[in-house]
Amino acid sequence: MTKRVDTGDIRERLEEVDSTKIFFTDLNGRVRALPVNPENIERIIEKGIGFDASSVAGISTVDDSDRLLCPVPESLRVVEFKDKKLGFFIGKIMNEAGRRARSDARAVLEGVLARAESEHNSRFLLGPEHEFFLLKSDEFSEDIHSDKAGYFHADPHDKGEAVRDQIIDILGKCGIRFEKAHHEVTASQHEINFECQDPLGAADRTVLFDYVAQKVADEHGYHATFMPKPFEGENRNAFHIHLSMQDLAGKNLFYQIDGKHNLTKTARQFIGGILKYARETSIIMASTFNSYKAYVVEREAPVIRGWGLKNRSSMVRVPYAVSPESTRIELRNPDPTGNVYLQIACLIAMGLQGIKDGLDCGRPDVGSTYKKIMRNYRVWDRRFLPKCMFEALVEAERSKFLKGLLGDRIYDHYMRLKIAEWEEHRTHVTAREHSEYLGI
């Protein structure tokens, strides 16, 4: 199933932990964990450990439910919380025949990265921005905010600084170096960013970050939520993804000193691919019913498919770069409720398809895209990102690109999950409807 590895160092490191868990995501992107006996780690690495995949959203069906979870040896991190040490592994999902399960989202990203290297002689560096709210409870109320602070506010106004510091300290001891951390625009909202790394490592790190953030928040008496839009009229939780492309020698393939806007043809084609397929992949980037309530004017979420230079109203932004090596793009439409492996896989695959098709991104956005939103406004308008989950599902249903990227198994399971979610919301009668229509 897996090649044999030297487990001596792994066994030695696990001797100091209080528990050992293998982490993975369901197809929705929710973090799952299986505690295992570290005394059996050599056998588990070699042969995997069984679980009921039909009980995990999108992985399998009840009539074909047996799957194996195999820890990735090099993913081991010893995570030190206040009360215990955890041995953390990322897991791969296998079937009983010893092959990779076709419903493993991590395998989709692995495949995209392998094709980038073999077909385009390229690799990537990636860094997501992690935004979350620290709330008093996981039950919504008018008094749910943990503070009234705003962008870059310091203590004592910023009540979450101690939580951020502890998250950074725990991950720092795991070898994960942070870049910056601060209070965000909305009350109770926070952001932590880490140094960029390879895309697969960044996705695995996101799984660890989500777990650590929620556990540390709980230790401080708060609830950490990655819900995209908890508060009407306020900024959302985003999951902005920064990406640069290098050849196998490490040269940045997005920078050209005499290129238009210092961008290469490769960069323009890569952006062109993202713009072309943004609507078809929206259900991956913004995967919940609530996600689409965030695509509103003047709240820093993009609404139009476009790109811009240093423009935070654009869907794809080219940030200011202090050096050619740091030239990159930033995708601004994803949010943190999606499956991070599928989100990153889609981003890179869209760009590579743009290169393959020789697309161009056109002219950059000039000024705020929000001011142009109502020109020739239509309900179904392909200039825009989908305005609701239904629209995103229709685009995904029509998309040969998305189905080809995900494969039949994941595509079918994912669409089934999301259509069911849409139907549940579509048929749910809300308090607002009672207020609006009960008097008729």
Protein backbone atom coordinates (compact mmCIF):
# COMPACT_ATOMS: atom_id res chain seq x y z
CA MET A 1 0.00 0.00 0.00
CA THR A 2 2.72 2.44 0.99
CA LYS A 3 6.44 2.18 0.78
CA ARG A 4 8.14 1.17 3.99
CA VAL A 5 9.56 4.04 6.00
CA ASP A 6 11.98 4.21 8.87
CA THR A 7 9.60 4.56 11.80
CA GLY A 8 12.25 4.65 14.51
CA ASP A 9 12.25 8.45 14.76
CA ILE A 10 8.45 8.54 14.57
CA ARG A 11 8.08 6.04 17.44
CA GLU A 12 10.57 8.03 19.50
CA ARG A 13 8.72 11.31 18.95
CA LEU A 14 5.38 9.71 19.79
CA GLU A 15 6.71 8.52 23.15
CA GLU A 16 6.43 12.10 24.41
CA VAL A 17 2.80 12.67 23.39
CA ASP A 18 -0.41 12.04 25.33
CA SER A 19 -2.46 11.07 22.30
CA THR A 20 -1.99 10.44 18.59
CA LYS A 21 -4.56 11.37 15.93
CA ILE A 22 -4.81 11.10 12.16
CA PHE A 23 -6.56 14.13 10.64
CA PHE A 24 -8.33 14.47 7.30
CA THR A 25 -11.25 16.37 5.80
CA ASP A 26 -14.65 15.23 4.66
CA LEU A 27 -15.73 16.39 1.22
CA ASN A 28 -17.36 19.50 2.70
CA GLY A 29 -13.98 20.43 4.18
CA ARG A 30 -14.82 19.77 7.83
CA VAL A 31 -11.88 18.53 9.90
CA ARG A 32 -12.13 14.90 11.05
CA ALA A 33 -9.77 13.00 13.35
CA LEU A 34 -9.18 9.37 14.28
CA PRO A 35 -7.28 8.68 17.54
CA VAL A 36 -4.93 5.69 17.20
CA ASN A 37 -2.62 3.71 19.46
CA PRO A 38 0.95 4.99 18.83
CA GLU A 39 2.32 1.58 19.79
CA ASN A 40 0.90 0.31 16.50
CA ILE A 41 2.15 3.20 14.37
CA GLU A 42 4.51 1.11 12.22
CA ARG A 43 1.69 -1.24 11.18
CA ILE A 44 -0.74 1.66 10.71
CA ILE A 45 1.68 3.50 8.43
CA GLU A 46 2.27 0.36 6.38
CA LYS A 47 -1.27 -1.05 6.20
CA GLY A 48 -3.60 1.74 7.34
CA ILE A 49 -6.44 1.52 9.83
CA GLY A 50 -10.07 0.86 8.93
CA PHE A 51 -13.02 3.22 9.36
CA ASP A 52 -16.64 3.56 8.26
CA ALA A 53 -16.41 5.96 5.32
CA SER A 54 -20.19 6.08 4.85
CA SER A 55 -20.42 8.10 8.09
CA VAL A 56 -18.12 10.81 6.69
CA ALA A 57 -19.78 13.29 4.32
CA GLY A 58 -19.03 12.56 0.67
CA ILE A 59 -16.48 9.78 1.12
CA SER A 60 -18.52 6.64 0.48
CA THR A 61 -21.94 4.98 0.60
CA VAL A 62 -23.34 2.54 3.14
CA ASP A 63 -23.13 -0.40 0.71
CA ASP A 64 -19.40 0.23 0.09
CA SER A 65 -18.25 1.80 3.32
CA ASP A 66 -14.92 0.19 4.28
CA ARG A 67 -11.93 2.48 3.81
CA LEU A 68 -8.46 2.72 5.29
CA LEU A 69 -6.81 5.80 6.76
CA CYS A 70 -3.03 5.93 6.33
CA PRO A 71 -0.94 8.56 8.16
CA VAL A 72 1.51 10.52 6.03
CA PRO A 73 4.79 9.96 7.94
CA GLU A 74 6.38 13.30 7.04
CA SER A 75 3.29 15.19 8.25
CA LEU A 76 3.91 14.31 11.91
CA ARG A 77 3.95 17.28 14.27
CA VAL A 78 4.00 17.30 18.04
CA VAL A 79 1.41 19.90 19.08
CA GLU A 80 1.74 21.22 22.64
CA PHE A 81 -1.47 22.48 24.24
CA LYS A 82 -1.77 23.64 27.85
CA ASP A 83 -2.94 20.30 29.15
CA LYS A 84 -1.45 17.76 26.76
CA LYS A 85 0.78 16.99 23.80
CA LEU A 86 -0.78 15.70 20.60
CA GLY A 87 0.85 13.63 17.88
CA PHE A 88 -0.70 15.08 14.71
CA PHE A 89 -0.71 13.23 11.36
CA ILE A 90 -2.40 14.07 8.08
CA GLY A 91 -4.12 11.02 6.62
CA LYS A 92 -4.59 9.60 3.13
CA ILE A 93 -7.78 7.66 2.37
CA MET A 94 -7.24 4.26 0.74
CA ASN A 95 -9.57 1.45 -0.30
CA GLU A 96 -9.24 -2.14 0.78
CA ALA A 97 -7.44 -3.06 -2.45
CA GLY A 98 -4.52 -0.88 -1.45
CA ARG A 99 -5.27 1.90 -3.93
CA ARG A 100 -6.01 5.55 -3.25
CA ALA A 101 -9.70 6.15 -2.69
CA ARG A 102 -11.24 8.10 -5.55
CA SER A 103 -13.10 10.26 -3.03
CA ASP A 104 -9.95 11.57 -1.29
CA ALA A 105 -9.85 15.33 -1.90
CA ARG A 106 -6.14 15.47 -1.00
CA ALA A 107 -5.40 13.17 -3.95
CA VAL A 108 -6.97 15.71 -6.33
CA LEU A 109 -4.47 18.34 -5.24
CA GLU A 110 -1.60 15.86 -5.42
CA GLY A 111 -2.60 15.06 -9.02
CA VAL A 112 -2.76 18.72 -10.07
CA LEU A 113 0.69 19.40 -8.61
CA ALA A 114 2.14 16.33 -10.31
CA ARG A 115 0.76 17.46 -13.68
CA ALA A 116 2.11 20.97 -13.17
CA GLU A 117 5.59 19.55 -12.68
CA SER A 118 5.49 16.97 -15.48
CA GLU A 119 3.65 19.01 -18.13
CA HIS A 120 4.66 22.58 -17.27
CA ASN A 121 7.98 22.07 -15.46
CA SER A 122 6.63 24.24 -12.68
CA ARG A 123 6.01 24.33 -8.97
CA PHE A 124 4.20 26.75 -6.72
CA LEU A 125 4.47 28.61 -3.43
CA LEU A 126 1.22 29.34 -1.66
CA GLY A 127 0.08 31.24 1.41
CA PRO A 128 -3.54 31.53 2.56
CA GLU A 129 -4.86 34.22 4.89
CA HIS A 130 -6.73 32.74 7.86
CA GLU A 131 -9.68 34.82 9.04
CA PHE A 132 -12.03 33.84 11.86
CA PHE A 133 -14.35 35.27 14.49
CA LEU A 134 -13.90 34.80 18.23
CA LEU A 135 -17.38 34.75 19.74
CA LYS A 136 -18.74 34.23 23.24
CA SER A 137 -20.77 31.20 22.26
CA ASP A 138 -21.66 28.85 19.42
CA GLU A 139 -25.31 29.87 19.94
CA PHE A 140 -26.16 33.12 18.14
CA SER A 141 -27.40 36.05 20.23
CA GLU A 142 -27.28 39.84 20.24
CA ASP A 143 -24.48 39.70 22.81
CA ILE A 144 -22.29 37.21 20.96
CA HIS A 145 -19.37 39.54 20.13
CA SER A 146 -16.19 39.11 22.18
CA ASP A 147 -15.06 42.71 21.55
CA LYS A 148 -15.94 45.93 19.77
CA ALA A 149 -12.51 46.45 18.25
CA GLY A 150 -11.68 47.14 14.60
CA TYR A 151 -8.82 46.92 12.14
CA PHE A 152 -5.39 46.82 13.84
CA HIS A 153 -6.81 47.80 17.24
CA ALA A 154 -4.54 46.84 20.13
CA ASP A 155 -5.30 45.59 23.61
CA PRO A 156 -7.23 46.19 25.79
CA HIS A 157 -9.77 46.80 23.00
CA ASP A 158 -8.62 43.69 21.10
CA LYS A 159 -9.78 40.84 23.34
CA GLY A 160 -8.43 38.15 21.05
CA GLU A 161 -4.75 39.04 21.07
CA ALA A 162 -3.97 36.43 23.75
CA VAL A 163 -5.74 33.77 21.67
CA ARG A 164 -3.82 34.71 18.52
CA ASP A 165 -0.54 34.74 20.44
CA GLN A 166 -1.15 31.26 21.81
CA ILE A 167 -2.09 29.88 18.40
CA ILE A 168 1.09 31.35 16.96
CA ASP A 169 3.18 29.96 19.84
CA ILE A 170 1.75 26.44 19.51
CA LEU A 171 2.26 26.34 15.76
CA GLY A 172 5.69 27.95 16.10
CA LYS A 173 6.81 25.06 18.28
CA CYS A 174 5.69 22.79 15.42
CA GLY A 175 8.05 24.61 13.06
CA ILE A 176 5.36 26.79 11.46
CA ARG A 177 6.50 30.41 11.23
CA PHE A 178 3.90 33.16 11.23
CA GLU A 179 4.16 36.28 9.09
CA LYS A 180 1.63 38.61 10.72
CA ALA A 181 -1.43 38.57 12.96
CA HIS A 182 -3.96 41.26 13.82
CA HIS A 183 -7.54 42.19 14.61
CA GLU A 184 -9.60 42.46 11.43
CA VAL A 185 -12.16 45.08 10.33
CA THR A 186 -15.26 43.62 11.99
CA ALA A 187 -15.77 43.34 15.75
CA SER A 188 -14.48 39.99 17.09
CA GLN A 189 -12.72 39.20 13.79
CA HIS A 190 -9.09 38.13 13.52
CA GLU A 191 -6.47 37.18 10.94
CA ILE A 192 -3.27 35.14 11.13
CA ASN A 193 -0.94 34.57 8.18
CA PHE A 194 2.00 32.20 7.90
CA GLU A 195 4.98 32.04 5.57
CA CYS A 196 4.28 30.61 2.13
CA GLN A 197 5.19 27.03 1.29
CA ASP A 198 4.36 24.31 -1.22
CA PRO A 199 0.58 24.04 -1.88
CA LEU A 200 0.13 20.55 -0.41
CA GLY A 201 1.99 21.54 2.74
CA ALA A 202 -0.06 24.73 3.00
CA ALA A 203 -3.30 22.74 2.71
CA ASP A 204 -2.17 20.28 5.40
CA ARG A 205 -1.14 23.22 7.56
CA THR A 206 -4.61 24.73 7.17
CA VAL A 207 -6.16 21.57 8.61
CA LEU A 208 -3.83 21.87 11.61
CA PHE A 209 -4.50 25.60 11.95
CA ASP A 210 -8.27 25.17 11.98
CA TYR A 211 -8.02 22.53 14.70
CA VAL A 212 -5.58 24.50 16.85
CA ALA A 213 -7.52 27.77 16.49
CA GLN A 214 -10.77 26.23 17.65
CA LYS A 215 -9.15 24.34 20.53
CA VAL A 216 -7.22 27.37 21.81
CA ALA A 217 -10.31 29.58 21.54
CA ASP A 218 -12.23 27.05 23.63
CA GLU A 219 -9.50 27.09 26.29
CA HIS A 220 -9.99 30.87 26.54
CA GLY A 221 -13.76 30.58 26.82
CA TYR A 222 -14.48 31.65 23.23
CA HIS A 223 -15.89 29.95 20.15
CA ALA A 224 -13.82 30.30 16.97
CA THR A 225 -15.94 30.21 13.83
CA PHE A 226 -14.96 30.21 10.16
CA MET A 227 -18.55 30.85 9.07
CA PRO A 228 -18.32 33.19 6.05
CA LYS A 229 -21.01 35.75 6.96
CA PRO A 230 -22.24 35.65 10.57
CA PHE A 231 -23.20 39.35 10.66
CA GLU A 232 -25.36 41.20 8.18
CA GLY A 233 -23.85 44.49 7.04
CA GLU A 234 -20.32 43.57 8.17
CA ASN A 235 -17.26 42.08 6.48
CA ARG A 236 -17.08 38.33 5.99
CA ASN A 237 -14.50 35.72 6.87
CA ALA A 238 -12.46 35.29 3.70
CA PHE A 239 -9.82 32.77 2.70
CA HIS A 240 -7.59 34.79 0.38
CA ILE A 241 -4.97 32.62 -1.35
CA HIS A 242 -1.61 34.03 -2.48
CA LEU A 243 0.15 32.04 -5.19
CA SER A 244 3.40 32.30 -7.13
CA MET A 245 4.70 30.00 -9.87
CA GLN A 246 8.33 28.91 -10.33
CA ASP A 247 10.24 26.79 -12.79
CA LEU A 248 12.12 23.76 -11.47
CA ALA A 249 15.19 25.94 -10.87
CA GLY A 250 13.19 28.33 -8.66
CA LYS A 251 12.77 31.25 -11.10
CA ASN A 252 9.53 33.19 -10.66
CA LEU A 253 7.43 32.63 -13.80
CA PHE A 254 5.04 35.52 -13.09
CA TYR A 255 7.65 38.33 -13.15
CA GLN A 256 9.10 40.00 -16.24
CA ILE A 257 10.96 43.28 -15.90
CA ASP A 258 9.91 44.57 -19.33
CA GLY A 259 6.47 42.94 -19.33
CA LYS A 260 3.25 44.89 -19.08
CA HIS A 261 2.77 45.62 -15.38
CA ASN A 262 5.97 43.52 -14.91
CA LEU A 263 3.93 40.38 -15.58
CA THR A 264 4.91 37.56 -17.91
CA LYS A 265 2.72 36.11 -20.62
CA THR A 266 2.47 33.04 -18.38
CA ALA A 267 1.04 35.16 -15.55
CA ARG A 268 -1.53 36.79 -17.84
CA GLN A 269 -2.62 33.42 -19.20
CA PHE A 270 -2.79 31.97 -15.70
CA ILE A 271 -5.04 34.83 -14.58
CA GLY A 272 -7.06 34.40 -17.77
CA GLY A 273 -7.80 30.80 -16.85
CA ILE A 274 -8.95 31.79 -13.37
CA LEU A 275 -11.31 34.40 -14.80
CA LYS A 276 -12.75 31.99 -17.38
CA TYR A 277 -13.53 29.19 -14.93
CA ALA A 278 -14.39 31.24 -11.82
CA ARG A 279 -18.14 30.74 -12.15
CA GLU A 280 -17.82 27.00 -12.83
CA THR A 281 -15.72 26.46 -9.70
CA SER A 282 -17.58 28.87 -7.43
CA ILE A 283 -19.30 26.04 -5.54
CA ILE A 284 -15.81 24.89 -4.47
CA MET A 285 -14.50 28.33 -3.49
CA ALA A 286 -17.74 29.46 -1.80
CA SER A 287 -19.30 26.17 -0.81
CA THR A 288 -22.18 27.01 1.54
CA PHE A 289 -25.53 28.76 1.29
CA ASN A 290 -24.19 31.42 3.67
CA SER A 291 -21.10 32.01 1.48
CA TYR A 292 -23.08 33.91 -1.14
CA LYS A 293 -24.47 36.39 1.35
CA ALA A 294 -20.92 37.75 1.54
CA TYR A 295 -20.74 38.82 -2.12
CA VAL A 296 -22.03 42.33 -1.49
CA VAL A 297 -20.86 45.81 -2.45
CA GLU A 298 -18.22 47.61 -0.35
CA ARG A 299 -17.47 44.69 2.01
CA GLU A 300 -14.15 43.61 0.42
CA ALA A 301 -15.61 40.45 -1.15
CA PRO A 302 -15.39 40.41 -4.95
CA VAL A 303 -18.60 40.45 -6.97
CA ILE A 304 -17.28 40.74 -10.55
CA ARG A 305 -14.92 38.41 -12.41
CA GLY A 306 -11.88 40.56 -13.00
CA TRP A 307 -8.32 41.26 -11.99
CA GLY A 308 -6.53 44.34 -10.78
CA LEU A 309 -3.23 45.76 -9.60
CA LYS A 310 -3.30 46.26 -5.82
CA ASN A 311 -7.11 46.49 -6.14
CA ARG A 312 -8.98 44.92 -3.24
CA SER A 313 -12.31 45.06 -5.06
CA SER A 314 -10.96 42.71 -7.77
CA MET A 315 -11.45 38.95 -7.71
CA VAL A 316 -7.81 38.37 -8.66
CA ARG A 317 -5.38 40.91 -7.23
CA VAL A 318 -1.71 41.40 -8.06
CA PRO A 319 -0.29 42.73 -4.78
CA TYR A 320 2.66 45.06 -4.54
CA ALA A 321 5.85 42.99 -4.54
CA VAL A 322 9.01 44.12 -2.77
CA SER A 323 11.13 41.97 -5.10
CA PRO A 324 10.74 39.97 -8.34
CA GLU A 325 10.83 36.75 -6.30
CA SER A 326 7.70 37.79 -4.39
CA THR A 327 5.59 38.57 -7.47
CA ARG A 328 2.35 36.67 -7.00
CA ILE A 329 -1.40 36.73 -7.46
CA GLU A 330 -4.08 36.73 -4.79
CA LEU A 331 -7.43 34.99 -5.26
CA ARG A 332 -10.06 36.78 -3.16
CA ASN A 333 -13.34 34.92 -3.70
CA PRO A 334 -12.79 31.77 -1.53
CA ASP A 335 -13.95 31.48 2.05
CA PRO A 336 -12.73 29.14 4.83
CA THR A 337 -15.74 26.80 4.87
CA GLY A 338 -14.66 25.04 1.67
CA ASN A 339 -12.49 21.96 1.27
CA VAL A 340 -9.00 23.46 1.22
CA TYR A 341 -7.53 20.68 -0.95
CA LEU A 342 -10.19 21.19 -3.62
CA GLN A 343 -9.95 24.99 -3.42
CA ILE A 344 -6.20 25.00 -4.02
CA ALA A 345 -6.47 22.30 -6.69
CA CYS A 346 -9.09 24.36 -8.55
CA LEU A 347 -7.03 27.54 -8.35
CA ILE A 348 -3.93 25.93 -9.83
CA ALA A 349 -5.85 23.86 -12.41
CA MET A 350 -7.73 26.94 -13.66
CA GLY A 351 -4.48 28.78 -14.15
CA LEU A 352 -2.78 25.88 -15.91
CA GLN A 353 -5.77 25.50 -18.23
CA GLY A 354 -5.45 29.19 -19.06
CA ILE A 355 -1.82 28.60 -20.06
CA LYS A 356 -2.77 25.53 -22.10
CA ASP A 357 -5.52 27.43 -23.92
CA GLY A 358 -3.39 30.55 -24.43
CA LEU A 359 -5.95 32.79 -22.73
CA ASP A 360 -5.31 36.42 -21.86
CA CYS A 361 -6.65 38.22 -18.83
CA GLY A 362 -7.41 41.46 -20.66
CA ARG A 363 -7.12 44.87 -19.07
CA PRO A 364 -7.00 45.22 -15.28
CA ASP A 365 -9.81 46.72 -13.25
CA VAL A 366 -9.42 50.47 -12.79
CA GLY A 367 -10.99 51.99 -9.70
CA SER A 368 -13.57 50.29 -7.52
CA THR A 369 -15.45 47.50 -9.28
CA TYR A 370 -18.31 48.10 -6.84
CA LYS A 371 -19.13 51.39 -8.60
CA LYS A 372 -19.68 49.56 -11.89
CA ILE A 373 -21.96 46.88 -10.51
CA MET A 374 -25.34 48.27 -11.58
CA ARG A 375 -24.51 49.01 -15.23
CA ASN A 376 -26.87 46.93 -17.42
CA TYR A 377 -27.66 44.81 -14.36
CA ARG A 378 -29.29 41.42 -15.05
CA VAL A 379 -30.35 38.60 -12.75
CA TRP A 380 -28.15 36.08 -14.61
CA ASP A 381 -24.99 37.93 -15.52
CA ARG A 382 -21.78 36.12 -16.42
CA ARG A 383 -19.71 39.21 -15.66
CA PHE A 384 -20.41 38.47 -12.00
CA LEU A 385 -19.55 35.65 -9.67
CA PRO A 386 -22.68 33.62 -8.84
CA LYS A 387 -24.97 35.59 -6.54
CA CYS A 388 -26.45 32.54 -4.82
CA MET A 389 -25.76 28.87 -4.24
CA PHE A 390 -28.33 27.83 -6.85
CA GLU A 391 -26.56 29.82 -9.56
CA ALA A 392 -23.21 28.28 -8.54
CA LEU A 393 -24.72 24.78 -8.68
CA VAL A 394 -26.08 25.36 -12.19
CA GLU A 395 -22.64 26.50 -13.37
CA ALA A 396 -20.99 23.46 -11.76
CA GLU A 397 -23.59 21.14 -13.26
CA ARG A 398 -22.79 22.45 -16.76
CA SER A 399 -19.00 22.40 -16.27
CA LYS A 400 -16.87 19.85 -18.11
CA PHE A 401 -13.80 21.49 -16.57
CA LEU A 402 -14.87 20.87 -12.97
CA LYS A 403 -15.97 17.31 -13.61
CA GLY A 404 -12.69 16.55 -15.36
CA LEU A 405 -10.68 18.02 -12.52
CA LEU A 406 -12.48 16.29 -9.66
CA GLY A 407 -13.18 12.96 -11.36
CA ASP A 408 -16.58 11.30 -11.53
CA ARG A 409 -16.60 10.00 -7.94
CA ILE A 410 -15.83 13.25 -6.12
CA TYR A 411 -17.85 15.35 -8.56
CA ASP A 412 -20.96 13.19 -8.11
CA HIS A 413 -20.63 12.95 -4.32
CA TYR A 414 -19.89 16.66 -3.96
CA MET A 415 -22.80 17.77 -6.13
CA ARG A 416 -25.13 15.45 -4.25
CA LEU A 417 -24.07 17.03 -0.95
CA LYS A 418 -24.42 20.58 -2.21
CA ILE A 419 -27.74 20.08 -3.97
CA ALA A 420 -29.12 18.59 -0.75
CA GLU A 421 -27.84 21.61 1.18
CA TRP A 422 -29.46 23.98 -1.31
CA GLU A 423 -32.78 22.11 -1.15
CA GLU A 424 -32.76 22.24 2.64
CA HIS A 425 -32.31 26.01 2.59
CA ARG A 426 -34.73 26.49 -0.32
CA THR A 427 -37.56 24.82 1.55
CA HIS A 428 -36.83 26.23 5.01
CA VAL A 429 -39.29 28.89 6.18
CA THR A 430 -37.48 31.69 8.04
CA ALA A 431 -38.51 34.20 10.67
CA ARG A 432 -38.06 36.95 8.10
CA GLU A 433 -40.68 35.31 5.87
CA HIS A 434 -43.09 35.21 8.80
CA SER A 435 -42.45 38.91 9.37
CA GLU A 436 -42.93 39.80 5.70
CA TYR A 437 -45.85 37.61 4.70
CA LEU A 438 -47.84 36.43 7.75
CA GLY A 439 -49.97 39.55 7.67
CA ILE A 440 -51.12 39.00 4.09
